[in-house]
């Protein structure tokens, strides 16, 4: 990349000093905001001297605690029994709607034993035409109104979302379109065949993506016969068999009032929100709630899976069964404790232990991180990275060693404080937009979390104790029973080839 030097070095230095002063609360350095036109010279600044403002960063220790105003959440139910969470936000003339059903890809096999991909195809086709509007007309209506109207599916949930301007001229026809796709989808056979053909091409392309191969193998080995085992998009074997009847059956069985929860955020009064909720759900069949998903069984011993793949890099995915979404205060505190400990161990920042050791000290990878994905049933805990083929075994061994050291010796008080400060200071960003607020509402409503899940968040962070963090980490992670999937040219566990030695 070509670089050029600034013609105003004194200006740059002083601006940096001013910026740092602002960042720490206008605390210490008095410097002119601007240099004198073009007369500024590098000779006026001693570039070898430390920047004065940096010596005052300790003032951050005296920053007053954040005062977070959590949005006021109002609750009510529609006449058909759909629980609604509503936040009135008048700053922008926008309304965000999030309608969730307990109807993810984990329900595919309830429609047909080999029906993997049915939920995903249903979500795809909801926005591709209704009984009153064909695909082109529906798309034209959405674009004319300038709204965002989408449907998506995950392993345990099915989401239909709408963002519209809040005036009647836009919102009323937008709600009508959303109602149509929920209650009168067309599921046109010709479009279904086109979708299947495109999806098959995409699934074939996944075979050329080591990350996709690793994820598919990991889920299959971790979950076995559990509904979370199969990919949300389906497989090359099951997608071609999906029929229009499957989509209709899925819609009638799962996209029903008894299986739904609704979140609304935006420039509406309570009365307007109640009417909107009724308009959206009045046409939904009452139906019945989905059955509780079974809990998957954890692996009883370590398992190593290698997938041969012609590449100079080996993709590594390792982990275990994690937690389900916590709904009681004690479990929520434990998940907060784990989140703090895991951020120190495997967070994506350069301060994380795995990143520091595996990337910076040993140079095995450009990036390594791990996270927990709680769901209705126990979700996965996964750590992922890529490295050179000849370094794969050494990188895996070094990663496991870092994990074991962390579990045995624990994280430090300084590491914990750095993480909790980050979590507290970034928390208000959750409310930076209507969409952010509504996403939280939708998640909380779907998992039936009480309001104090949000209002007590800061308290849970404040209540984090070092001993509890380390204990929770030890109780949760079992690296000696990790499932490790590798995708690369050489099998890291091939005894015929010595493992690469770590750098001293």
Protein backbone atom coordinates (compact mmCIF):
# COMPACT_ATOMS: atom_id res chain seq x y z
CA UNK A 1 0.00 0.00 0.00
CA UNK A 2 1.38 3.38 -0.96
CA UNK A 3 1.64 5.84 1.91
CA UNK A 4 2.25 9.57 1.98
CA UNK A 5 3.42 11.76 4.83
CA UNK A 6 1.24 14.53 6.16
CA UNK A 7 2.37 18.09 5.33
CA UNK A 8 1.40 19.13 8.85
CA UNK A 9 3.23 16.90 11.36
CA UNK A 10 2.78 19.34 14.22
CA UNK A 11 -0.94 19.51 13.53
CA UNK A 12 -1.17 15.69 13.58
CA UNK A 13 0.75 15.37 16.81
CA UNK A 14 -1.27 18.03 18.54
CA UNK A 15 -4.55 16.65 17.24
CA UNK A 16 -3.61 13.23 18.59
CA UNK A 17 -2.82 14.80 21.95
CA UNK A 18 -6.14 16.63 21.93
CA UNK A 19 -8.02 13.48 20.96
CA UNK A 20 -6.42 11.54 23.80
CA UNK A 21 -7.32 14.32 26.21
CA UNK A 22 -10.95 14.15 25.10
CA UNK A 23 -10.95 10.36 25.42
CA UNK A 24 -9.95 10.53 29.10
CA UNK A 25 -12.45 13.20 29.99
CA UNK A 26 -10.80 16.50 29.05
CA UNK A 27 -8.49 15.87 31.97
CA UNK A 28 -4.97 17.12 31.59
CA UNK A 29 -3.30 18.40 28.47
CA UNK A 30 -3.83 21.99 27.39
CA UNK A 31 -2.84 22.21 23.73
CA UNK A 32 -4.00 24.39 20.84
CA UNK A 33 -6.55 22.66 18.69
CA UNK A 34 -4.85 23.71 15.50
CA UNK A 35 -1.35 24.55 14.34
CA UNK A 36 -0.67 27.93 12.74
CA UNK A 37 -1.65 27.31 9.10
CA UNK A 38 1.31 26.06 7.03
CA UNK A 39 3.93 27.43 9.38
CA UNK A 40 3.74 24.33 11.59
CA UNK A 41 6.99 22.44 11.65
CA UNK A 42 8.20 19.10 12.97
CA UNK A 43 10.85 21.05 14.88
CA UNK A 44 8.15 22.33 17.24
CA UNK A 45 7.42 18.82 18.52
CA UNK A 46 9.85 16.47 20.25
CA UNK A 47 8.76 13.21 18.59
CA UNK A 48 11.10 11.18 20.82
CA UNK A 49 9.28 12.27 23.97
CA UNK A 50 6.33 10.26 25.29
CA UNK A 51 2.88 11.63 24.59
CA UNK A 52 1.88 13.51 27.70
CA UNK A 53 -1.71 12.34 27.65
CA UNK A 54 -0.69 8.69 27.82
CA UNK A 55 0.87 9.21 31.23
CA UNK A 56 -2.54 10.26 32.52
CA UNK A 57 -4.49 7.18 31.43
CA UNK A 58 -4.66 6.14 35.05
CA UNK A 59 -7.45 8.68 35.35
CA UNK A 60 -9.67 6.03 33.76
CA UNK A 61 -9.67 4.32 37.12
CA UNK A 62 -11.69 7.22 38.51
CA UNK A 63 -14.36 7.24 35.82
CA UNK A 64 -17.84 7.25 37.34
CA UNK A 65 -19.91 4.07 36.86
CA UNK A 66 -22.16 4.02 33.84
CA UNK A 67 -25.80 4.86 34.36
CA UNK A 68 -27.70 2.61 31.98
CA UNK A 69 -31.32 3.33 31.17
CA UNK A 70 -32.79 -0.01 30.18
CA UNK A 71 -35.80 0.35 27.85
CA UNK A 72 -39.18 0.05 29.52
CA UNK A 73 -40.71 -3.24 28.34
CA UNK A 74 -44.49 -3.58 28.23
CA UNK A 75 -46.17 -6.98 28.01
CA UNK A 76 -49.56 -8.12 26.81
CA UNK A 77 -51.15 -10.98 24.90
CA UNK A 78 -53.22 -11.05 21.76
CA UNK A 79 -56.70 -12.56 21.71
CA UNK A 80 -55.17 -15.75 20.27
CA UNK A 81 -52.73 -15.96 23.19
CA UNK A 82 -49.52 -14.77 21.51
CA UNK A 83 -47.23 -13.11 24.10
CA UNK A 84 -46.09 -9.64 23.02
CA UNK A 85 -43.15 -7.55 24.28
CA UNK A 86 -43.33 -3.87 23.33
CA UNK A 87 -40.93 -0.96 23.71
CA UNK A 88 -42.07 2.50 22.70
CA UNK A 89 -39.21 4.34 20.93
CA UNK A 90 -40.21 7.73 19.57
CA UNK A 91 -36.84 9.02 18.39
CA UNK A 92 -37.16 7.56 14.90
CA UNK A 93 -40.31 7.18 12.76
CA UNK A 94 -39.66 3.45 12.44
CA UNK A 95 -41.30 0.25 13.68
CA UNK A 96 -39.44 -3.08 14.04
CA UNK A 97 -41.44 -6.30 14.32
CA UNK A 98 -40.00 -9.69 15.27
CA UNK A 99 -42.32 -12.72 15.14
CA UNK A 100 -40.68 -15.95 16.28
CA UNK A 101 -41.95 -19.51 16.21
CA UNK A 102 -40.61 -22.55 18.04
CA UNK A 103 -40.08 -24.08 14.63
CA UNK A 104 -36.45 -24.36 13.62
CA UNK A 105 -34.79 -27.03 11.51
CA UNK A 106 -34.88 -29.29 14.56
CA UNK A 107 -38.54 -29.87 13.60
CA UNK A 108 -37.81 -31.05 10.05
CA UNK A 109 -38.01 -34.73 10.87
CA UNK A 110 -41.41 -34.23 12.54
CA UNK A 111 -42.81 -33.49 9.08
CA UNK A 112 -40.96 -36.30 7.35
CA UNK A 113 -38.22 -38.59 8.60
CA UNK A 114 -35.87 -37.67 5.77
CA UNK A 115 -37.15 -34.10 5.46
CA UNK A 116 -34.01 -32.20 6.40
CA UNK A 117 -34.27 -28.72 4.91
CA UNK A 118 -38.06 -28.31 5.06
CA UNK A 119 -38.02 -25.45 7.60
CA UNK A 120 -35.33 -23.63 5.63
CA UNK A 121 -37.23 -23.99 2.35
CA UNK A 122 -40.43 -22.80 4.03
CA UNK A 123 -38.65 -19.66 5.22
CA UNK A 124 -37.19 -19.08 1.76
CA UNK A 125 -40.54 -19.34 0.03
CA UNK A 126 -42.65 -17.25 2.40
CA UNK A 127 -41.33 -14.11 0.68
CA UNK A 128 -41.70 -15.52 -2.83
CA UNK A 129 -45.38 -14.95 -3.39
CA UNK A 130 -48.80 -15.30 -1.80
CA UNK A 131 -52.22 -16.35 -3.07
CA UNK A 132 -52.96 -12.74 -4.01
CA UNK A 133 -49.50 -11.70 -5.22
CA UNK A 134 -47.10 -13.69 -7.38
CA UNK A 135 -43.36 -13.50 -6.74
CA UNK A 136 -42.75 -10.42 -8.91
CA UNK A 137 -45.77 -8.54 -7.54
CA UNK A 138 -44.80 -9.34 -3.94
CA UNK A 139 -41.22 -8.17 -4.50
CA UNK A 140 -42.47 -5.02 -6.22
CA UNK A 141 -44.78 -4.22 -3.31
CA UNK A 142 -41.95 -4.62 -0.79
CA UNK A 143 -39.60 -2.42 -2.81
CA UNK A 144 -42.26 0.23 -3.42
CA UNK A 145 -42.90 0.57 0.31
CA UNK A 146 -39.17 0.59 1.06
CA UNK A 147 -39.58 -1.94 3.86
CA UNK A 148 -37.46 -4.85 5.07
CA UNK A 149 -39.55 -8.01 5.19
CA UNK A 150 -37.62 -11.22 5.77
CA UNK A 151 -37.97 -14.76 7.04
CA UNK A 152 -35.15 -16.94 8.34
CA UNK A 153 -34.66 -20.17 10.21
CA UNK A 154 -32.15 -21.55 12.72
CA UNK A 155 -31.91 -24.85 14.54
CA UNK A 156 -34.47 -23.94 17.19
CA UNK A 157 -36.40 -20.93 15.86
CA UNK A 158 -38.22 -19.57 12.82
CA UNK A 159 -38.24 -15.76 12.46
CA UNK A 160 -40.36 -13.42 10.36
CA UNK A 161 -39.27 -9.79 10.70
CA UNK A 162 -40.48 -6.44 9.39
CA UNK A 163 -39.02 -2.93 9.48
CA UNK A 164 -41.18 -0.10 8.21
CA UNK A 165 -41.79 3.61 8.60
CA UNK A 166 -44.39 4.14 11.32
CA UNK A 167 -46.89 6.27 9.40
CA UNK A 168 -50.08 4.55 8.27
CA UNK A 169 -49.26 5.03 4.61
CA UNK A 170 -46.30 2.65 4.95
CA UNK A 171 -47.00 0.55 8.04
CA UNK A 172 -50.54 -0.62 7.23
CA UNK A 173 -49.75 -2.10 3.80
CA UNK A 174 -46.49 -3.51 5.22
CA UNK A 175 -48.39 -5.36 7.97
CA UNK A 176 -50.84 -6.60 5.33
CA UNK A 177 -47.95 -8.08 3.31
CA UNK A 178 -46.53 -9.75 6.41
CA UNK A 179 -49.94 -11.17 7.25
CA UNK A 180 -50.34 -12.52 3.74
CA UNK A 181 -47.03 -14.36 3.75
CA UNK A 182 -47.83 -15.89 7.15
CA UNK A 183 -51.33 -17.10 6.35
CA UNK A 184 -51.51 -17.40 2.55
CA UNK A 185 -48.09 -18.34 1.13
CA UNK A 186 -48.24 -19.59 -2.43
CA UNK A 187 -45.41 -22.17 -2.36
CA UNK A 188 -45.47 -22.28 -6.18
CA UNK A 189 -44.11 -25.58 -7.48
CA UNK A 190 -42.04 -24.00 -10.25
CA UNK A 191 -40.31 -21.67 -7.78
CA UNK A 192 -39.76 -24.58 -5.38
CA UNK A 193 -37.95 -26.55 -8.08
CA UNK A 194 -35.80 -23.52 -8.88
CA UNK A 195 -34.94 -23.07 -5.20
CA UNK A 196 -34.02 -26.71 -4.82
CA UNK A 197 -31.74 -26.59 -7.86
CA UNK A 198 -29.95 -23.52 -6.52
CA UNK A 199 -29.64 -25.00 -3.04
CA UNK A 200 -28.18 -28.23 -4.39
CA UNK A 201 -25.50 -26.19 -6.18
CA UNK A 202 -24.75 -24.41 -2.93
CA UNK A 203 -24.52 -27.67 -0.99
CA UNK A 204 -22.13 -29.05 -3.60
CA UNK A 205 -19.98 -25.95 -3.24
CA UNK A 206 -19.81 -26.55 0.52
CA UNK A 207 -17.72 -29.61 -0.27
CA UNK A 208 -15.00 -27.21 -1.41
CA UNK A 209 -15.13 -25.19 1.80
CA UNK A 210 -13.10 -26.71 4.67
CA UNK A 211 -14.92 -24.63 7.25
CA UNK A 212 -18.30 -25.98 6.14
CA UNK A 213 -16.99 -29.53 6.07
CA UNK A 214 -15.63 -29.19 9.59
CA UNK A 215 -18.89 -27.71 10.92
CA UNK A 216 -21.04 -30.42 9.34
CA UNK A 217 -18.84 -33.20 10.71
CA UNK A 218 -18.65 -31.56 14.15
CA UNK A 219 -22.44 -31.28 14.53
CA UNK A 220 -23.04 -34.79 13.25
CA UNK A 221 -20.52 -36.30 15.67
CA UNK A 222 -21.54 -34.14 18.62
CA UNK A 223 -25.31 -34.62 18.31
CA UNK A 224 -25.66 -38.08 16.79
CA UNK A 225 -29.39 -38.75 16.37
CA UNK A 226 -30.48 -35.50 18.02
CA UNK A 227 -32.44 -33.03 15.82
CA UNK A 228 -29.56 -30.52 16.04
CA UNK A 229 -27.27 -32.94 14.19
CA UNK A 230 -28.40 -32.19 10.65
CA UNK A 231 -27.64 -28.93 8.80
CA UNK A 232 -30.39 -26.31 8.73
CA UNK A 233 -30.21 -26.01 4.93
CA UNK A 234 -30.65 -29.76 4.45
CA UNK A 235 -28.41 -32.21 2.61
CA UNK A 236 -27.74 -33.24 -0.97
CA UNK A 237 -29.78 -36.36 -0.34
CA UNK A 238 -32.83 -34.72 1.27
CA UNK A 239 -33.28 -31.36 -0.49
CA UNK A 240 -34.32 -32.84 -3.88
CA UNK A 241 -37.14 -34.75 -2.18
CA UNK A 242 -38.80 -31.69 -0.61
CA UNK A 243 -42.34 -31.23 -1.94
CA UNK A 244 -44.95 -28.48 -1.72
CA UNK A 245 -46.97 -30.63 0.67
CA UNK A 246 -44.04 -30.66 3.12
CA UNK A 247 -44.00 -26.87 3.22
CA UNK A 248 -47.76 -26.65 3.71
CA UNK A 249 -47.63 -29.24 6.49
CA UNK A 250 -44.79 -27.36 8.21
CA UNK A 251 -46.64 -24.05 7.99
CA UNK A 252 -49.89 -25.49 9.35
CA UNK A 253 -48.16 -27.39 12.15
CA UNK A 254 -45.64 -24.84 13.42
CA UNK A 255 -46.48 -21.33 12.18
CA UNK A 256 -49.38 -21.08 14.61
CA UNK A 257 -50.40 -18.78 17.44
CA UNK A 258 -49.74 -21.32 20.20
CA UNK A 259 -46.17 -21.61 18.98
CA UNK A 260 -45.45 -17.88 18.49
CA UNK A 261 -44.01 -14.89 20.34
CA UNK A 262 -43.96 -11.29 19.12
CA UNK A 263 -41.67 -8.31 19.78
CA UNK A 264 -42.43 -4.74 18.65
CA UNK A 265 -40.23 -1.67 19.02
CA UNK A 266 -40.85 1.75 17.59
CA UNK A 267 -42.85 4.91 17.27
CA UNK A 268 -46.21 3.56 18.40
CA UNK A 269 -48.49 4.08 21.36
CA UNK A 270 -49.50 1.08 23.48
CA UNK A 271 -52.93 1.13 21.85
CA UNK A 272 -51.42 1.16 18.36
CA UNK A 273 -49.05 -1.68 19.29
CA UNK A 274 -51.94 -3.79 20.56
CA UNK A 275 -53.88 -3.27 17.33
CA UNK A 276 -50.82 -4.09 15.24
CA UNK A 277 -50.26 -7.30 17.20
CA UNK A 278 -53.89 -8.32 16.69
CA UNK A 279 -53.74 -7.58 12.96
CA UNK A 280 -50.61 -9.72 12.60
CA UNK A 281 -51.82 -12.72 14.56
CA UNK A 282 -55.58 -12.83 14.09
CA UNK A 283 -55.25 -14.93 10.93
CA UNK A 284 -52.90 -17.48 12.47
CA UNK A 285 -54.42 -20.86 13.36
CA UNK A 286 -54.39 -21.43 17.11
CA UNK A 287 -52.62 -24.78 16.70
CA UNK A 288 -50.56 -26.20 19.52
CA UNK A 289 -47.14 -25.52 20.97
CA UNK A 290 -44.17 -27.55 19.75
CA UNK A 291 -43.00 -30.42 21.92
CA UNK A 292 -39.99 -29.90 24.16
CA UNK A 293 -36.78 -30.89 22.39
CA UNK A 294 -34.86 -33.80 23.91
CA UNK A 295 -31.53 -33.11 25.59
CA UNK A 296 -28.50 -34.42 23.66
CA UNK A 297 -26.13 -36.82 25.34
CA UNK A 298 -22.56 -35.58 25.91
CA UNK A 299 -19.59 -37.50 24.54
CA UNK A 300 -18.04 -39.82 27.11
CA UNK A 301 -14.54 -39.72 25.64
CA UNK A 302 -12.38 -37.70 23.28
CA UNK A 303 -12.99 -38.15 19.58
CA UNK A 304 -10.78 -37.14 16.65
CA UNK A 305 -12.15 -36.88 13.12
CA UNK A 306 -10.02 -36.05 10.10
CA UNK A 307 -11.39 -35.17 6.67
CA UNK A 308 -8.81 -35.28 3.83
CA UNK A 309 -8.78 -32.02 1.89
CA UNK A 310 -6.24 -30.78 -0.63
CA UNK A 311 -5.02 -27.55 0.94
CA UNK A 312 -1.92 -25.97 2.46
CA UNK A 313 -3.98 -25.16 5.58
CA UNK A 314 -5.71 -27.39 8.09
CA UNK A 315 -9.01 -26.16 9.55
CA UNK A 316 -9.52 -27.16 13.18
CA UNK A 317 -12.82 -27.19 15.07
CA UNK A 318 -12.86 -28.53 18.60
CA UNK A 319 -15.21 -28.44 21.54
CA UNK A 320 -18.05 -30.16 23.34
CA UNK A 321 -21.68 -29.85 24.32
CA UNK A 322 -22.32 -26.55 26.02
CA UNK A 323 -25.27 -25.05 27.86
CA UNK A 324 -28.94 -24.51 27.12
CA UNK A 325 -30.37 -21.01 27.47
CA UNK A 326 -30.55 -20.17 31.20
CA UNK A 327 -33.93 -18.97 32.48
CA UNK A 328 -33.43 -18.82 36.27
CA UNK A 329 -31.22 -16.29 38.14
CA UNK A 330 -28.71 -18.85 39.43
CA UNK A 331 -28.08 -20.36 36.00
CA UNK A 332 -27.91 -16.90 34.42
CA UNK A 333 -25.23 -15.89 36.90
CA UNK A 334 -23.28 -19.04 36.12
CA UNK A 335 -23.50 -18.32 32.39
CA UNK A 336 -22.27 -14.79 33.06
CA UNK A 337 -19.37 -16.22 35.05
CA UNK A 338 -18.52 -18.51 32.15
CA UNK A 339 -18.80 -15.69 29.63
CA UNK A 340 -16.22 -13.70 31.59
CA UNK A 341 -13.84 -16.63 31.93
CA UNK A 342 -14.20 -17.68 28.31
CA UNK A 343 -13.56 -14.13 27.11
CA UNK A 344 -10.20 -14.30 28.89
CA UNK A 345 -9.48 -17.77 27.51
CA UNK A 346 -10.87 -17.71 23.99
CA UNK A 347 -12.40 -14.33 23.23
CA UNK A 348 -11.59 -12.82 19.86
CA UNK A 349 -9.47 -9.97 21.24
CA UNK A 350 -5.67 -9.99 21.24
CA UNK A 351 -5.74 -10.10 25.05
CA UNK A 352 -7.29 -13.57 25.07
CA UNK A 353 -4.93 -16.32 26.17
CA UNK A 354 -5.42 -18.55 23.14
CA UNK A 355 -4.89 -15.63 20.78
CA UNK A 356 -1.78 -14.50 22.66
CA UNK A 357 -0.16 -17.94 22.80
CA UNK A 358 -1.23 -19.64 19.56
CA UNK A 359 -1.08 -16.57 17.32
CA UNK A 360 1.37 -14.14 18.84
CA UNK A 361 3.87 -16.33 20.68
CA UNK A 362 3.85 -19.47 18.52
CA UNK A 363 2.75 -18.01 15.20
CA UNK A 364 0.52 -20.96 14.32
CA UNK A 365 -2.54 -19.03 13.15
CA UNK A 366 -3.88 -15.61 12.25
CA UNK A 367 -6.78 -15.99 14.62
CA UNK A 368 -8.33 -18.37 17.13
CA UNK A 369 -11.49 -17.96 19.18
CA UNK A 370 -14.14 -19.96 20.98
CA UNK A 371 -17.71 -19.36 22.05
CA UNK A 372 -20.78 -20.89 23.64
CA UNK A 373 -24.07 -21.05 21.70
CA UNK A 374 -26.92 -21.76 24.16
CA UNK A 375 -30.23 -22.83 22.61
CA UNK A 376 -33.50 -24.47 23.70
CA UNK A 377 -31.52 -27.68 24.15
CA UNK A 378 -27.81 -27.72 24.92
CA UNK A 379 -25.90 -25.87 22.26
CA UNK A 380 -22.26 -26.38 21.25
CA UNK A 381 -19.08 -24.88 22.67
CA UNK A 382 -16.59 -24.51 19.82
CA UNK A 383 -13.03 -23.28 19.32
CA UNK A 384 -11.89 -22.79 15.73
CA UNK A 385 -8.75 -21.82 13.83
CA UNK A 386 -6.70 -22.66 10.74
CA UNK A 387 -3.01 -23.39 10.55
CA UNK A 388 -0.34 -24.83 8.25
CA UNK A 389 -0.71 -28.55 7.63
CA UNK A 390 2.65 -29.35 9.22
CA UNK A 391 1.80 -27.33 12.34
CA UNK A 392 -1.70 -28.70 12.92
CA UNK A 393 -0.89 -31.23 15.64
CA UNK A 394 1.41 -28.84 17.48
CA UNK A 395 -1.20 -26.08 17.32
CA UNK A 396 -3.91 -28.40 18.66
CA UNK A 397 -1.68 -29.65 21.48
CA UNK A 398 -0.67 -26.10 22.39
CA UNK A 399 -4.32 -24.97 22.41
CA UNK A 400 -5.34 -27.80 24.71
CA UNK A 401 -2.39 -26.99 26.96
CA UNK A 402 -3.51 -23.35 27.25
CA UNK A 403 -7.03 -24.52 28.12
CA UNK A 404 -5.79 -26.98 30.75
CA UNK A 405 -3.47 -24.38 32.28
CA UNK A 406 -6.35 -21.91 32.49
CA UNK A 407 -8.62 -24.47 34.14
CA UNK A 408 -5.93 -25.61 36.58
CA UNK A 409 -4.54 -22.22 37.59
CA UNK A 410 -7.51 -20.00 36.79
CA UNK A 411 -7.66 -16.56 35.27
CA UNK A 412 -6.27 -13.59 37.20
CA UNK A 413 -8.09 -10.77 38.94
CA UNK A 414 -6.65 -8.27 36.45
CA UNK A 415 -7.92 -10.29 33.49
CA UNK A 416 -11.35 -10.58 35.07
CA UNK A 417 -11.55 -6.84 35.75
CA UNK A 418 -10.56 -5.97 32.20
CA UNK A 419 -13.30 -8.23 30.84
CA UNK A 420 -16.06 -7.12 33.22
CA UNK A 421 -15.26 -3.46 32.50
CA UNK A 422 -15.53 -4.17 28.79
CA UNK A 423 -18.87 -5.95 29.22
CA UNK A 424 -20.32 -3.16 31.36
CA UNK A 425 -19.13 -0.36 29.09
CA UNK A 426 -20.33 -2.06 25.90
CA UNK A 427 -23.76 -3.00 27.31
CA UNK A 428 -25.47 0.28 26.36
CA UNK A 429 -24.61 -0.39 22.72
CA UNK A 430 -27.32 -3.06 22.83
CA UNK A 431 -29.82 -0.20 22.82
CA UNK A 432 -28.14 1.85 20.09
CA UNK A 433 -30.95 1.18 17.61
CA UNK A 434 -34.55 0.07 17.44
CA UNK A 435 -33.39 -3.09 15.69
CA UNK A 436 -30.95 -3.84 18.51
CA UNK A 437 -33.64 -3.39 21.14
CA UNK A 438 -36.14 -5.49 19.20
CA UNK A 439 -33.63 -8.28 18.67
CA UNK A 440 -33.15 -8.49 22.44
CA UNK A 441 -36.92 -8.45 22.98
CA UNK A 442 -37.43 -11.20 20.43
CA UNK A 443 -34.76 -13.39 21.99
CA UNK A 444 -36.07 -12.87 25.52
CA UNK A 445 -39.66 -13.53 24.50
CA UNK A 446 -38.76 -16.67 22.56
CA UNK A 447 -36.77 -18.18 25.45
CA UNK A 448 -39.36 -16.92 27.99
CA UNK A 449 -36.79 -14.89 29.89
CA UNK A 450 -38.04 -12.47 32.56
CA UNK A 451 -37.43 -8.72 32.22
CA UNK A 452 -34.78 -8.86 34.93
CA UNK A 453 -32.61 -10.83 32.48
CA UNK A 454 -32.00 -7.40 30.96
CA UNK A 455 -32.48 -5.08 33.92
CA UNK A 456 -30.20 -7.15 36.17
CA UNK A 457 -27.45 -7.58 33.58
CA UNK A 458 -25.18 -4.99 35.21
CA UNK A 459 -25.81 -6.57 38.61
CA UNK A 460 -24.76 -9.97 37.28
CA UNK A 461 -21.53 -8.45 36.00
CA UNK A 462 -20.95 -6.71 39.35
CA UNK A 463 -21.60 -10.01 41.16
CA UNK A 464 -18.92 -11.88 39.21
CA UNK A 465 -16.31 -13.27 41.62
CA UNK A 466 -12.93 -14.64 40.60
CA UNK A 467 -13.32 -17.92 42.46
CA UNK A 468 -16.78 -18.47 40.96
CA UNK A 469 -15.51 -17.74 37.44
CA UNK A 470 -12.71 -20.27 37.71
CA UNK A 471 -14.98 -22.85 39.31
CA UNK A 472 -17.58 -22.45 36.55
CA UNK A 473 -14.90 -22.81 33.88
CA UNK A 474 -13.66 -26.04 35.46
CA UNK A 475 -17.20 -27.41 35.78
CA UNK A 476 -18.10 -26.56 32.17
CA UNK A 477 -15.08 -27.41 30.02
CA UNK A 478 -13.67 -30.92 29.68
CA UNK A 479 -10.76 -30.74 27.20
CA UNK A 480 -9.88 -34.38 27.85
CA UNK A 481 -13.23 -35.26 26.20
CA UNK A 482 -13.11 -32.74 23.38
CA UNK A 483 -14.40 -33.58 19.94
CA UNK A 484 -11.70 -32.41 17.50
CA UNK A 485 -12.40 -32.20 13.77
CA UNK A 486 -9.62 -31.41 11.30
CA UNK A 487 -9.94 -30.77 7.58
CA UNK A 488 -6.66 -30.75 5.70
CA UNK A 489 -4.17 -32.66 3.59
CA UNK A 490 -2.55 -34.64 6.42
CA UNK A 491 -4.10 -36.33 9.43
CA UNK A 492 -2.55 -34.70 12.52
CA UNK A 493 -2.90 -38.01 14.39
CA UNK A 494 -1.09 -40.04 11.76
CA UNK A 495 1.51 -41.86 13.84
CA UNK A 496 3.68 -42.36 10.75
CA UNK A 497 4.47 -38.65 10.74
CA UNK A 498 5.97 -36.92 13.77
CA UNK A 499 3.99 -33.94 15.07
CA UNK A 500 5.59 -30.56 14.48
CA UNK A 501 7.33 -29.18 17.53
CA UNK A 502 6.15 -25.95 19.07
CA UNK A 503 8.49 -23.00 19.07
CA UNK A 504 10.39 -22.48 22.28
